[in-house]
């Protein structure tokens, strides 16, 4: 059995968008994670596409907005594609399982809201 799990903290780069399939809703948004190291300081941001499905998508739409700092736990998939200019690109797409909204100005602080507090089910 393979384990495919990622935990990532970052800033929401776009307001979530709601879409619907034939039987389920999904909410997706971009997230910027900026790595930091003691020797180099802050690095270049890495962008991820985050998707939540079903009830969790509804919770995202009700509570998440551009600029929020989130902690996300989910699974990931690496994909490659060719952009409009014909340049080969790659992306890491994350399907979220859980999220927590973090304070914007304090590192290593407790979450402001967890998904369970936002929409307990």
PDB file of N, CA and C in Angstrom:
ATOM      1  N   UNK A   1       0.842  -1.181   0.000  1.00  0.00           N
ATOM      2  CA  UNK A   1       0.000   0.000   0.000  1.00  0.00           C
ATOM      3  C   UNK A   1       0.888   1.245   0.000  1.00  0.00           C
ATOM      4  N   UNK A   2       0.645   2.149  -0.920  1.00  0.00           N
ATOM      5  CA  UNK A   2       1.413   3.386  -1.015  1.00  0.00           C
ATOM      6  C   UNK A   2       0.726   4.481  -0.208  1.00  0.00           C
ATOM      7  N   UNK A   3       1.524   5.286   0.442  1.00  0.00           N
ATOM      8  CA  UNK A   3       0.994   6.422   1.192  1.00  0.00           C
ATOM      9  C   UNK A   3       1.250   7.669   0.370  1.00  0.00           C
ATOM     10  N   UNK A   4       0.224   8.427   0.148  1.00  0.00           N
ATOM     11  CA  UNK A   4       0.306   9.639  -0.642  1.00  0.00           C
ATOM     12  C   UNK A   4      -0.359  10.743   0.165  1.00  0.00           C
ATOM     13  N   UNK A   5       0.393  11.377   1.061  1.00  0.00           N
ATOM     14  CA  UNK A   5      -0.178  12.414   1.907  1.00  0.00           C
ATOM     15  C   UNK A   5       0.777  13.588   1.971  1.00  0.00           C
ATOM     16  N   UNK A   6       0.206  14.783   1.987  1.00  0.00           N
ATOM     17  CA  UNK A   6       0.991  16.002   2.095  1.00  0.00           C
ATOM     18  C   UNK A   6       0.320  16.911   3.113  1.00  0.00           C
ATOM     19  N   UNK A   7       1.133  17.597   3.896  1.00  0.00           N
ATOM     20  CA  UNK A   7       0.671  18.644   4.798  1.00  0.00           C
ATOM     21  C   UNK A   7       1.400  19.898   4.372  1.00  0.00           C
ATOM     22  N   UNK A   8       0.660  20.937   4.085  1.00  0.00           N
ATOM     23  CA  UNK A   8       1.273  22.159   3.553  1.00  0.00           C
ATOM     24  C   UNK A   8       0.605  23.385   4.167  1.00  0.00           C
ATOM     25  N   UNK A   9       1.415  24.398   4.375  1.00  0.00           N
ATOM     26  CA  UNK A   9       0.936  25.681   4.880  1.00  0.00           C
ATOM     27  C   UNK A   9       1.208  26.718   3.810  1.00  0.00           C
ATOM     28  N   UNK A  10       0.264  27.591   3.568  1.00  0.00           N
ATOM     29  CA  UNK A  10       0.476  28.620   2.568  1.00  0.00           C
ATOM     30  C   UNK A  10      -0.629  29.644   2.576  1.00  0.00           C
ATOM     31  N   UNK A  11      -0.510  30.591   1.650  1.00  0.00           N
ATOM     32  CA  UNK A  11      -1.469  31.679   1.529  1.00  0.00           C
ATOM     33  C   UNK A  11      -2.342  31.467   0.298  1.00  0.00           C
ATOM     34  N   UNK A  12      -3.638  31.658   0.472  1.00  0.00           N
ATOM     35  CA  UNK A  12      -4.590  31.480  -0.610  1.00  0.00           C
ATOM     36  C   UNK A  12      -4.372  32.591  -1.634  1.00  0.00           C
ATOM     37  N   UNK A  13      -4.123  32.203  -2.882  1.00  0.00           N
ATOM     38  CA  UNK A  13      -3.804  33.174  -3.930  1.00  0.00           C
ATOM     39  C   UNK A  13      -4.998  33.626  -4.739  1.00  0.00           C
ATOM     40  N   UNK A  14      -6.102  32.907  -4.646  1.00  0.00           N
ATOM     41  CA  UNK A  14      -7.315  33.280  -5.383  1.00  0.00           C
ATOM     42  C   UNK A  14      -8.531  32.826  -4.595  1.00  0.00           C
ATOM     43  N   UNK A  15      -9.604  33.590  -4.716  1.00  0.00           N
ATOM     44  CA  UNK A  15     -10.849  33.163  -4.061  1.00  0.00           C
ATOM     45  C   UNK A  15     -11.253  31.795  -4.606  1.00  0.00           C
ATOM     46  N   UNK A  16     -11.758  30.921  -3.755  1.00  0.00           N
ATOM     47  CA  UNK A  16     -12.190  29.602  -4.229  1.00  0.00           C
ATOM     48  C   UNK A  16     -13.290  29.719  -5.285  1.00  0.00           C
ATOM     49  N   UNK A  17     -13.262  28.787  -6.240  1.00  0.00           N
ATOM     50  CA  UNK A  17     -14.285  28.709  -7.273  1.00  0.00           C
ATOM     51  C   UNK A  17     -15.041  27.403  -7.098  1.00  0.00           C
ATOM     52  N   UNK A  18     -16.354  27.473  -7.165  1.00  0.00           N
ATOM     53  CA  UNK A  18     -17.196  26.284  -7.034  1.00  0.00           C
ATOM     54  C   UNK A  18     -17.549  25.782  -8.430  1.00  0.00           C
ATOM     55  N   UNK A  19     -17.424  24.470  -8.607  1.00  0.00           N
ATOM     56  CA  UNK A  19     -17.831  23.810  -9.852  1.00  0.00           C
ATOM     57  C   UNK A  19     -18.638  22.583  -9.468  1.00  0.00           C
ATOM     58  N   UNK A  20     -19.386  22.077 -10.439  1.00  0.00           N
ATOM     59  CA  UNK A  20     -20.233  20.924 -10.174  1.00  0.00           C
ATOM     60  C   UNK A  20     -20.003  19.851 -11.223  1.00  0.00           C
ATOM     61  N   UNK A  21     -19.877  18.618 -10.777  1.00  0.00           N
ATOM     62  CA  UNK A  21     -19.860  17.485 -11.685  1.00  0.00           C
ATOM     63  C   UNK A  21     -21.285  16.945 -11.718  1.00  0.00           C
ATOM     64  N   UNK A  22     -21.505  15.825 -12.364  1.00  0.00           N
ATOM     65  CA  UNK A  22     -22.865  15.285 -12.439  1.00  0.00           C
ATOM     66  C   UNK A  22     -23.408  14.863 -11.082  1.00  0.00           C
ATOM     67  N   UNK A  23     -22.539  14.576 -10.103  1.00  0.00           N
ATOM     68  CA  UNK A  23     -23.054  14.113  -8.809  1.00  0.00           C
ATOM     69  C   UNK A  23     -22.384  14.738  -7.586  1.00  0.00           C
ATOM     70  N   UNK A  24     -21.422  15.654  -7.799  1.00  0.00           N
ATOM     71  CA  UNK A  24     -20.716  16.202  -6.637  1.00  0.00           C
ATOM     72  C   UNK A  24     -20.169  17.592  -6.948  1.00  0.00           C
ATOM     73  N   UNK A  25     -20.053  18.407  -5.897  1.00  0.00           N
ATOM     74  CA  UNK A  25     -19.478  19.744  -6.049  1.00  0.00           C
ATOM     75  C   UNK A  25     -18.000  19.713  -5.698  1.00  0.00           C
ATOM     76  N   UNK A  26     -17.267  20.682  -6.237  1.00  0.00           N
ATOM     77  CA  UNK A  26     -15.860  20.827  -5.885  1.00  0.00           C
ATOM     78  C   UNK A  26     -15.522  22.300  -5.787  1.00  0.00           C
ATOM     79  N   UNK A  27     -14.601  22.610  -4.889  1.00  0.00           N
ATOM     80  CA  UNK A  27     -14.098  23.969  -4.735  1.00  0.00           C
ATOM     81  C   UNK A  27     -12.598  23.926  -4.956  1.00  0.00           C
ATOM     82  N   UNK A  28     -12.086  24.841  -5.787  1.00  0.00           N
ATOM     83  CA  UNK A  28     -10.650  24.857  -6.041  1.00  0.00           C
ATOM     84  C   UNK A  28     -10.114  26.278  -5.933  1.00  0.00           C
ATOM     85  N   UNK A  29      -8.832  26.357  -5.579  1.00  0.00           N
ATOM     86  CA  UNK A  29      -8.158  27.642  -5.436  1.00  0.00           C
ATOM     87  C   UNK A  29      -6.654  27.415  -5.515  1.00  0.00           C
ATOM     88  N   UNK A  30      -5.906  28.493  -5.690  1.00  0.00           N
ATOM     89  CA  UNK A  30      -4.445  28.397  -5.707  1.00  0.00           C
ATOM     90  C   UNK A  30      -3.908  28.700  -4.312  1.00  0.00           C
ATOM     91  N   UNK A  31      -2.774  28.093  -3.996  1.00  0.00           N
ATOM     92  CA  UNK A  31      -2.135  28.277  -2.696  1.00  0.00           C
ATOM     93  C   UNK A  31      -0.640  28.473  -2.928  1.00  0.00           C
ATOM     94  N   UNK A  32      -0.067  29.501  -2.316  1.00  0.00           N
ATOM     95  CA  UNK A  32       1.370  29.762  -2.425  1.00  0.00           C
ATOM     96  C   UNK A  32       2.059  29.354  -1.133  1.00  0.00           C
ATOM     97  N   UNK A  33       3.020  28.456  -1.261  1.00  0.00           N
ATOM     98  CA  UNK A  33       3.851  28.051  -0.127  1.00  0.00           C
ATOM     99  C   UNK A  33       5.234  28.634  -0.366  1.00  0.00           C
ATOM    100  N   UNK A  34       5.735  29.406   0.592  1.00  0.00           N
ATOM    101  CA  UNK A  34       7.058  30.009   0.461  1.00  0.00           C
ATOM    102  C   UNK A  34       8.011  29.322   1.424  1.00  0.00           C
ATOM    103  N   UNK A  35       8.968  28.539   0.901  1.00  0.00           N
ATOM    104  CA  UNK A  35       9.908  27.849   1.781  1.00  0.00           C
ATOM    105  C   UNK A  35      10.847  28.837   2.465  1.00  0.00           C
ATOM    106  N   UNK A  36      11.326  28.438   3.618  1.00  0.00           N
ATOM    107  CA  UNK A  36      12.227  29.274   4.390  1.00  0.00           C
ATOM    108  C   UNK A  36      13.344  28.404   4.946  1.00  0.00           C
ATOM    109  N   UNK A  37      14.569  28.930   4.943  1.00  0.00           N
ATOM    110  CA  UNK A  37      15.683  28.214   5.565  1.00  0.00           C
ATOM    111  C   UNK A  37      16.518  29.207   6.363  1.00  0.00           C
ATOM    112  N   UNK A  38      17.220  28.702   7.376  1.00  0.00           N
ATOM    113  CA  UNK A  38      18.050  29.570   8.219  1.00  0.00           C
ATOM    114  C   UNK A  38      19.146  30.241   7.418  1.00  0.00           C
ATOM    115  N   UNK A  39      19.710  29.542   6.453  1.00  0.00           N
ATOM    116  CA  UNK A  39      20.844  30.091   5.705  1.00  0.00           C
ATOM    117  C   UNK A  39      20.429  30.999   4.561  1.00  0.00           C
ATOM    118  N   UNK A  40      19.306  30.721   3.915  1.00  0.00           N
ATOM    119  CA  UNK A  40      18.905  31.486   2.737  1.00  0.00           C
ATOM    120  C   UNK A  40      17.737  32.426   2.973  1.00  0.00           C
ATOM    121  N   UNK A  41      17.075  32.308   4.111  1.00  0.00           N
ATOM    122  CA  UNK A  41      15.903  33.135   4.367  1.00  0.00           C
ATOM    123  C   UNK A  41      14.718  32.649   3.557  1.00  0.00           C
ATOM    124  N   UNK A  42      13.889  33.577   3.103  1.00  0.00           N
ATOM    125  CA  UNK A  42      12.684  33.227   2.372  1.00  0.00           C
ATOM    126  C   UNK A  42      13.011  32.912   0.920  1.00  0.00           C
ATOM    127  N   UNK A  43      12.454  31.835   0.405  1.00  0.00           N
ATOM    128  CA  UNK A  43      12.684  31.428  -0.976  1.00  0.00           C
ATOM    129  C   UNK A  43      11.573  31.887  -1.902  1.00  0.00           C
ATOM    130  N   UNK A  44      11.635  31.412  -3.138  1.00  0.00           N
ATOM    131  CA  UNK A  44      10.606  31.717  -4.126  1.00  0.00           C
ATOM    132  C   UNK A  44       9.332  30.929  -3.802  1.00  0.00           C
ATOM    133  N   UNK A  45       8.167  31.541  -3.953  1.00  0.00           N
ATOM    134  CA  UNK A  45       6.927  30.811  -3.662  1.00  0.00           C
ATOM    135  C   UNK A  45       6.706  29.665  -4.650  1.00  0.00           C
ATOM    136  N   UNK A  46       6.166  28.569  -4.144  1.00  0.00           N
ATOM    137  CA  UNK A  46       5.748  27.443  -4.969  1.00  0.00           C
ATOM    138  C   UNK A  46       4.222  27.464  -4.983  1.00  0.00           C
ATOM    139  N   UNK A  47       3.632  27.337  -6.163  1.00  0.00           N
ATOM    140  CA  UNK A  47       2.186  27.412  -6.301  1.00  0.00           C
ATOM    141  C   UNK A  47       1.582  26.028  -6.456  1.00  0.00           C
ATOM    142  N   UNK A  48       0.454  25.820  -5.804  1.00  0.00           N
ATOM    143  CA  UNK A  48      -0.265  24.557  -5.842  1.00  0.00           C
ATOM    144  C   UNK A  48      -1.727  24.833  -6.189  1.00  0.00           C
ATOM    145  N   UNK A  49      -2.358  23.882  -6.846  1.00  0.00           N
ATOM    146  CA  UNK A  49      -3.798  23.937  -7.093  1.00  0.00           C
ATOM    147  C   UNK A  49      -4.443  23.020  -6.063  1.00  0.00           C
ATOM    148  N   UNK A  50      -5.354  23.559  -5.260  1.00  0.00           N
ATOM    149  CA  UNK A  50      -6.001  22.817  -4.184  1.00  0.00           C
ATOM    150  C   UNK A  50      -7.458  22.572  -4.573  1.00  0.00           C
ATOM    151  N   UNK A  51      -7.939  21.340  -4.368  1.00  0.00           N
ATOM    152  CA  UNK A  51      -9.331  21.002  -4.649  1.00  0.00           C
ATOM    153  C   UNK A  51      -9.928  20.249  -3.464  1.00  0.00           C
ATOM    154  N   UNK A  52     -11.095  20.685  -3.038  1.00  0.00           N
ATOM    155  CA  UNK A  52     -11.883  19.981  -2.025  1.00  0.00           C
ATOM    156  C   UNK A  52     -13.189  19.553  -2.678  1.00  0.00           C
ATOM    157  N   UNK A  53     -13.717  18.394  -2.266  1.00  0.00           N
ATOM    158  CA  UNK A  53     -14.926  17.822  -2.847  1.00  0.00           C
ATOM    159  C   UNK A  53     -16.069  17.741  -1.827  1.00  0.00           C
ATOM    160  N   UNK A  54     -17.298  17.758  -2.334  1.00  0.00           N
ATOM    161  CA  UNK A  54     -18.485  17.505  -1.521  1.00  0.00           C
ATOM    162  C   UNK A  54     -18.714  18.513  -0.411  1.00  0.00           C
ATOM    163  N   UNK A  55     -19.009  17.998   0.780  1.00  0.00           N
ATOM    164  CA  UNK A  55     -19.277  18.867   1.936  1.00  0.00           C
ATOM    165  C   UNK A  55     -18.083  19.762   2.261  1.00  0.00           C
ATOM    166  N   UNK A  56     -16.897  19.227   2.085  1.00  0.00           N
ATOM    167  CA  UNK A  56     -15.708  20.028   2.384  1.00  0.00           C
ATOM    168  C   UNK A  56     -15.581  21.186   1.398  1.00  0.00           C
ATOM    169  N   UNK A  57     -16.026  20.989   0.164  1.00  0.00           N
ATOM    170  CA  UNK A  57     -16.041  22.080  -0.813  1.00  0.00           C
ATOM    171  C   UNK A  57     -16.975  23.188  -0.339  1.00  0.00           C
ATOM    172  N   UNK A  58     -18.139  22.798   0.205  1.00  0.00           N
ATOM    173  CA  UNK A  58     -19.074  23.782   0.736  1.00  0.00           C
ATOM    174  C   UNK A  58     -18.447  24.564   1.885  1.00  0.00           C
ATOM    175  N   UNK A  59     -17.723  23.873   2.753  1.00  0.00           N
ATOM    176  CA  UNK A  59     -17.053  24.519   3.876  1.00  0.00           C
ATOM    177  C   UNK A  59     -15.994  25.504   3.385  1.00  0.00           C
ATOM    178  N   UNK A  60     -15.243  25.118   2.362  1.00  0.00           N
ATOM    179  CA  UNK A  60     -14.241  26.016   1.774  1.00  0.00           C
ATOM    180  C   UNK A  60     -14.930  27.269   1.236  1.00  0.00           C
ATOM    181  N   UNK A  61     -16.003  27.101   0.495  1.00  0.00           N
ATOM    182  CA  UNK A  61     -16.691  28.248  -0.102  1.00  0.00           C
ATOM    183  C   UNK A  61     -17.239  29.197   0.969  1.00  0.00           C
ATOM    184  N   UNK A  62     -17.661  28.651   2.096  1.00  0.00           N
ATOM    185  CA  UNK A  62     -18.226  29.466   3.179  1.00  0.00           C
ATOM    186  C   UNK A  62     -17.164  30.182   4.009  1.00  0.00           C
ATOM    187  N   UNK A  63     -15.915  29.666   4.029  1.00  0.00           N
ATOM    188  CA  UNK A  63     -14.953  30.159   5.013  1.00  0.00           C
ATOM    189  C   UNK A  63     -13.606  30.622   4.479  1.00  0.00           C
ATOM    190  N   UNK A  64     -13.246  30.272   3.275  1.00  0.00           N
ATOM    191  CA  UNK A  64     -11.907  30.576   2.756  1.00  0.00           C
ATOM    192  C   UNK A  64     -11.986  31.685   1.724  1.00  0.00           C
ATOM    193  N   UNK A  65     -11.016  32.616   1.795  1.00  0.00           N
ATOM    194  CA  UNK A  65     -10.956  33.704   0.819  1.00  0.00           C
ATOM    195  C   UNK A  65      -9.499  34.028   0.493  1.00  0.00           C
ATOM    196  N   UNK A  66      -9.296  34.733  -0.593  1.00  0.00           N
ATOM    197  CA  UNK A  66      -7.963  35.143  -1.014  1.00  0.00           C
ATOM    198  C   UNK A  66      -7.256  35.839   0.138  1.00  0.00           C
ATOM    199  N   UNK A  67      -5.988  35.467   0.367  1.00  0.00           N
ATOM    200  CA  UNK A  67      -5.201  36.083   1.423  1.00  0.00           C
ATOM    201  C   UNK A  67      -5.169  35.292   2.716  1.00  0.00           C
ATOM    202  N   UNK A  68      -6.116  34.373   2.917  1.00  0.00           N
ATOM    203  CA  UNK A  68      -6.112  33.557   4.131  1.00  0.00           C
ATOM    204  C   UNK A  68      -4.868  32.680   4.179  1.00  0.00           C
ATOM    205  N   UNK A  69      -4.397  32.441   5.384  1.00  0.00           N
ATOM    206  CA  UNK A  69      -3.288  31.509   5.598  1.00  0.00           C
ATOM    207  C   UNK A  69      -3.902  30.190   6.047  1.00  0.00           C
ATOM    208  N   UNK A  70      -3.588  29.104   5.308  1.00  0.00           N
ATOM    209  CA  UNK A  70      -4.194  27.812   5.592  1.00  0.00           C
ATOM    210  C   UNK A  70      -3.152  26.743   5.864  1.00  0.00           C
ATOM    211  N   UNK A  71      -3.561  25.770   6.644  1.00  0.00           N
ATOM    212  CA  UNK A  71      -2.845  24.511   6.801  1.00  0.00           C
ATOM    213  C   UNK A  71      -3.736  23.468   6.149  1.00  0.00           C
ATOM    214  N   UNK A  72      -3.188  22.714   5.198  1.00  0.00           N
ATOM    215  CA  UNK A  72      -3.980  21.742   4.452  1.00  0.00           C
ATOM    216  C   UNK A  72      -3.340  20.367   4.553  1.00  0.00           C
ATOM    217  N   UNK A  73      -4.174  19.365   4.756  1.00  0.00           N
ATOM    218  CA  UNK A  73      -3.744  17.966   4.714  1.00  0.00           C
ATOM    219  C   UNK A  73      -4.510  17.326   3.567  1.00  0.00           C
ATOM    220  N   UNK A  74      -3.777  16.629   2.697  1.00  0.00           N
ATOM    221  CA  UNK A  74      -4.443  16.002   1.566  1.00  0.00           C
ATOM    222  C   UNK A  74      -3.530  15.038   0.836  1.00  0.00           C
ATOM    223  N   UNK A  75      -3.951  14.655  -0.346  1.00  0.00           N
ATOM    224  CA  UNK A  75      -3.141  13.789  -1.201  1.00  0.00           C
ATOM    225  C   UNK A  75      -2.720  14.595  -2.427  1.00  0.00           C
ATOM    226  N   UNK A  76      -1.650  14.167  -3.088  1.00  0.00           N
ATOM    227  CA  UNK A  76      -1.133  14.956  -4.197  1.00  0.00           C
ATOM    228  C   UNK A  76      -0.938  14.120  -5.450  1.00  0.00           C
ATOM    229  N   UNK A  77      -0.914  14.850  -6.574  1.00  0.00           N
ATOM    230  CA  UNK A  77      -0.692  14.230  -7.870  1.00  0.00           C
ATOM    231  C   UNK A  77       0.170  15.173  -8.693  1.00  0.00           C
ATOM    232  N   UNK A  78       1.229  14.658  -9.270  1.00  0.00           N
ATOM    233  CA  UNK A  78       2.103  15.442 -10.139  1.00  0.00           C
ATOM    234  C   UNK A  78       1.636  15.263 -11.572  1.00  0.00           C
ATOM    235  N   UNK A  79       1.534  16.361 -12.306  1.00  0.00           N
ATOM    236  CA  UNK A  79       1.142  16.265 -13.710  1.00  0.00           C
ATOM    237  C   UNK A  79       1.975  17.233 -14.547  1.00  0.00           C
ATOM    238  N   UNK A  80       2.065  16.944 -15.832  1.00  0.00           N
ATOM    239  CA  UNK A  80       2.752  17.829 -16.773  1.00  0.00           C
ATOM    240  C   UNK A  80       1.763  18.249 -17.849  1.00  0.00           C
ATOM    241  N   UNK A  81       1.990  19.437 -18.400  1.00  0.00           N
ATOM    242  CA  UNK A  81       1.120  19.950 -19.450  1.00  0.00           C
ATOM    243  C   UNK A  81       1.899  20.956 -20.283  1.00  0.00           C
ATOM    244  N   UNK A  82       1.336  21.359 -21.407  1.00  0.00           N
ATOM    245  CA  UNK A  82       1.926  22.369 -22.273  1.00  0.00           C
ATOM    246  C   UNK A  82       1.050  23.613 -22.203  1.00  0.00           C
ATOM    247  N   UNK A  83       1.660  24.763 -21.889  1.00  0.00           N
ATOM    248  CA  UNK A  83       0.869  25.990 -21.762  1.00  0.00           C
ATOM    249  C   UNK A  83       0.541  26.576 -23.142  1.00  0.00           C
ATOM    250  N   UNK A  84      -0.133  27.728 -23.145  1.00  0.00           N
ATOM    251  CA  UNK A  84      -0.581  28.366 -24.383  1.00  0.00           C
ATOM    252  C   UNK A  84       0.572  28.730 -25.319  1.00  0.00           C
ATOM    253  N   UNK A  85       1.736  28.999 -24.741  1.00  0.00           N
ATOM    254  CA  UNK A  85       2.900  29.370 -25.534  1.00  0.00           C
ATOM    255  C   UNK A  85       3.712  28.154 -25.995  1.00  0.00           C
ATOM    256  N   UNK A  86       3.232  26.953 -25.663  1.00  0.00           N
ATOM    257  CA  UNK A  86       3.923  25.734 -26.082  1.00  0.00           C
ATOM    258  C   UNK A  86       5.044  25.297 -25.157  1.00  0.00           C
ATOM    259  N   UNK A  87       5.122  25.901 -23.968  1.00  0.00           N
ATOM    260  CA  UNK A  87       6.166  25.569 -23.002  1.00  0.00           C
ATOM    261  C   UNK A  87       5.683  24.428 -22.112  1.00  0.00           C
ATOM    262  N   UNK A  88       6.536  23.431 -21.932  1.00  0.00           N
ATOM    263  CA  UNK A  88       6.199  22.307 -21.062  1.00  0.00           C
ATOM    264  C   UNK A  88       6.274  22.753 -19.603  1.00  0.00           C
ATOM    265  N   UNK A  89       5.220  22.479 -18.845  1.00  0.00           N
ATOM    266  CA  UNK A  89       5.129  22.865 -17.432  1.00  0.00           C
ATOM    267  C   UNK A  89       4.758  21.647 -16.601  1.00  0.00           C
ATOM    268  N   UNK A  90       4.967  21.759 -15.298  1.00  0.00           N
ATOM    269  CA  UNK A  90       4.510  20.709 -14.398  1.00  0.00           C
ATOM    270  C   UNK A  90       3.770  21.350 -13.235  1.00  0.00           C
ATOM    271  N   UNK A  91       2.906  20.579 -12.617  1.00  0.00           N
ATOM    272  CA  UNK A  91       2.164  21.101 -11.474  1.00  0.00           C
ATOM    273  C   UNK A  91       1.973  19.999 -10.446  1.00  0.00           C
ATOM    274  N   UNK A  92       1.795  20.427  -9.216  1.00  0.00           N
ATOM    275  CA  UNK A  92       1.476  19.513  -8.131  1.00  0.00           C
ATOM    276  C   UNK A  92       0.087  19.900  -7.656  1.00  0.00           C
ATOM    277  N   UNK A  93      -0.870  19.021  -7.915  1.00  0.00           N
ATOM    278  CA  UNK A  93      -2.254  19.262  -7.549  1.00  0.00           C
ATOM    279  C   UNK A  93      -2.564  18.512  -6.264  1.00  0.00           C
ATOM    280  N   UNK A  94      -3.244  19.191  -5.352  1.00  0.00           N
ATOM    281  CA  UNK A  94      -3.560  18.609  -4.048  1.00  0.00           C
ATOM    282  C   UNK A  94      -5.062  18.482  -3.897  1.00  0.00           C
ATOM    283  N   UNK A  95      -5.509  17.284  -3.540  1.00  0.00           N
ATOM    284  CA  UNK A  95      -6.902  17.063  -3.167  1.00  0.00           C
ATOM    285  C   UNK A  95      -6.957  17.124  -1.650  1.00  0.00           C
ATOM    286  N   UNK A  96      -7.627  18.139  -1.133  1.00  0.00           N
ATOM    287  CA  UNK A  96      -7.661  18.366   0.307  1.00  0.00           C
ATOM    288  C   UNK A  96      -8.580  17.416   1.039  1.00  0.00           C
ATOM    289  N   UNK A  97      -8.125  16.985   2.214  1.00  0.00           N
ATOM    290  CA  UNK A  97      -8.952  16.192   3.124  1.00  0.00           C
ATOM    291  C   UNK A  97      -9.394  17.020   4.321  1.00  0.00           C
ATOM    292  N   UNK A  98      -8.497  17.867   4.823  1.00  0.00           N
ATOM    293  CA  UNK A  98      -8.758  18.713   5.995  1.00  0.00           C
ATOM    294  C   UNK A  98      -8.096  20.069   5.771  1.00  0.00           C
ATOM    295  N   UNK A  99      -8.622  21.114   6.431  1.00  0.00           N
ATOM    296  CA  UNK A  99      -7.959  22.411   6.411  1.00  0.00           C
ATOM    297  C   UNK A  99      -8.207  23.136   7.717  1.00  0.00           C
ATOM    298  N   UNK A 100      -7.290  24.053   8.023  1.00  0.00           N
ATOM    299  CA  UNK A 100      -7.434  24.937   9.178  1.00  0.00           C
ATOM    300  C   UNK A 100      -6.993  26.325   8.748  1.00  0.00           C
ATOM    301  N   UNK A 101      -7.731  27.333   9.183  1.00  0.00           N
ATOM    302  CA  UNK A 101      -7.365  28.720   8.915  1.00  0.00           C
ATOM    303  C   UNK A 101      -6.423  29.161  10.024  1.00  0.00           C
ATOM    304  N   UNK A 102      -5.236  29.657   9.639  1.00  0.00           N
ATOM    305  CA  UNK A 102      -4.206  30.059  10.600  1.00  0.00           C
ATOM    306  C   UNK A 102      -4.167  31.575  10.756  1.00  0.00           C
ATOM    307  N   UNK A 103      -3.670  32.054  11.893  1.00  0.00           N
ATOM    308  CA  UNK A 103      -3.488  33.502  12.057  1.00  0.00           C
ATOM    309  C   UNK A 103      -2.478  34.018  11.036  1.00  0.00           C
ATOM    310  N   UNK A 104      -2.687  35.205  10.514  1.00  0.00           N
ATOM    311  CA  UNK A 104      -1.805  35.762   9.483  1.00  0.00           C
ATOM    312  C   UNK A 104      -0.468  36.241  10.042  1.00  0.00           C
ATOM    313  N   UNK A 105      -0.411  36.672  11.288  1.00  0.00           N
ATOM    314  CA  UNK A 105       0.791  37.348  11.766  1.00  0.00           C
ATOM    315  C   UNK A 105       1.604  36.573  12.788  1.00  0.00           C
ATOM    316  N   UNK A 106       1.228  35.360  13.117  1.00  0.00           N
ATOM    317  CA  UNK A 106       1.962  34.632  14.154  1.00  0.00           C
ATOM    318  C   UNK A 106       2.383  33.261  13.631  1.00  0.00           C
ATOM    319  N   UNK A 107       3.674  32.960  13.740  1.00  0.00           N
ATOM    320  CA  UNK A 107       4.161  31.637  13.348  1.00  0.00           C
ATOM    321  C   UNK A 107       3.944  30.665  14.496  1.00  0.00           C
ATOM    322  N   UNK A 108       3.699  29.416  14.139  1.00  0.00           N
ATOM    323  CA  UNK A 108       3.533  28.336  15.112  1.00  0.00           C
ATOM    324  C   UNK A 108       2.410  28.604  16.116  1.00  0.00           C
ATOM    325  N   UNK A 109       1.359  29.283  15.662  1.00  0.00           N
ATOM    326  CA  UNK A 109       0.209  29.537  16.526  1.00  0.00           C
ATOM    327  C   UNK A 109      -0.872  28.514  16.258  1.00  0.00           C
ATOM    328  N   UNK A 110      -1.803  28.422  17.179  1.00  0.00           N
ATOM    329  CA  UNK A 110      -2.930  27.513  16.998  1.00  0.00           C
ATOM    330  C   UNK A 110      -3.823  28.045  15.878  1.00  0.00           C
ATOM    331  N   UNK A 111      -4.501  27.163  15.139  1.00  0.00           N
ATOM    332  CA  UNK A 111      -5.404  27.600  14.074  1.00  0.00           C
ATOM    333  C   UNK A 111      -6.531  28.465  14.623  1.00  0.00           C
ATOM    334  N   UNK A 112      -7.008  29.429  13.802  1.00  0.00           N
ATOM    335  CA  UNK A 112      -8.167  30.222  14.178  1.00  0.00           C
ATOM    336  C   UNK A 112      -9.414  29.362  14.119  1.00  0.00           C
ATOM    337  N   UNK A 113      -9.575  28.616  13.025  1.00  0.00           N
ATOM    338  CA  UNK A 113     -10.714  27.735  12.848  1.00  0.00           C
ATOM    339  C   UNK A 113     -10.222  26.474  12.173  1.00  0.00           C
ATOM    340  N   UNK A 114     -10.674  25.367  12.643  1.00  0.00           N
ATOM    341  CA  UNK A 114     -10.413  24.130  11.918  1.00  0.00           C
ATOM    342  C   UNK A 114     -11.677  23.771  11.169  1.00  0.00           C
ATOM    343  N   UNK A 115     -11.560  22.874  10.228  1.00  0.00           N
ATOM    344  CA  UNK A 115     -12.727  22.477   9.458  1.00  0.00           C
ATOM    345  C   UNK A 115     -13.816  21.932  10.366  1.00  0.00           C
ATOM    346  N   UNK A 116     -13.439  21.191  11.413  1.00  0.00           N
ATOM    347  CA  UNK A 116     -14.434  20.637  12.329  1.00  0.00           C
ATOM    348  C   UNK A 116     -15.212  21.740  13.046  1.00  0.00           C
ATOM    349  N   UNK A 117     -14.535  22.846  13.380  1.00  0.00           N
ATOM    350  CA  UNK A 117     -15.223  23.950  14.039  1.00  0.00           C
ATOM    351  C   UNK A 117     -16.073  24.739  13.049  1.00  0.00           C
ATOM    352  N   UNK A 118     -15.611  24.795  11.814  1.00  0.00           N
ATOM    353  CA  UNK A 118     -16.334  25.532  10.789  1.00  0.00           C
ATOM    354  C   UNK A 118     -17.607  24.795  10.405  1.00  0.00           C
ATOM    355  N   UNK A 119     -17.503  23.505  10.148  1.00  0.00           N
ATOM    356  CA  UNK A 119     -18.657  22.721   9.708  1.00  0.00           C
ATOM    357  C   UNK A 119     -18.591  21.315  10.303  1.00  0.00           C
ATOM    358  N   UNK A 120     -18.962  21.165  11.574  1.00  0.00           N
ATOM    359  CA  UNK A 120     -18.890  19.831  12.162  1.00  0.00           C
ATOM    360  C   UNK A 120     -19.938  18.896  11.560  1.00  0.00           C
ATOM    361  N   UNK A 121     -19.500  17.727  11.119  1.00  0.00           N
ATOM    362  CA  UNK A 121     -20.433  16.712  10.607  1.00  0.00           C
ATOM    363  C   UNK A 121     -20.001  15.360  10.956  1.00  0.00           C
TER     364      UNK A 121
END
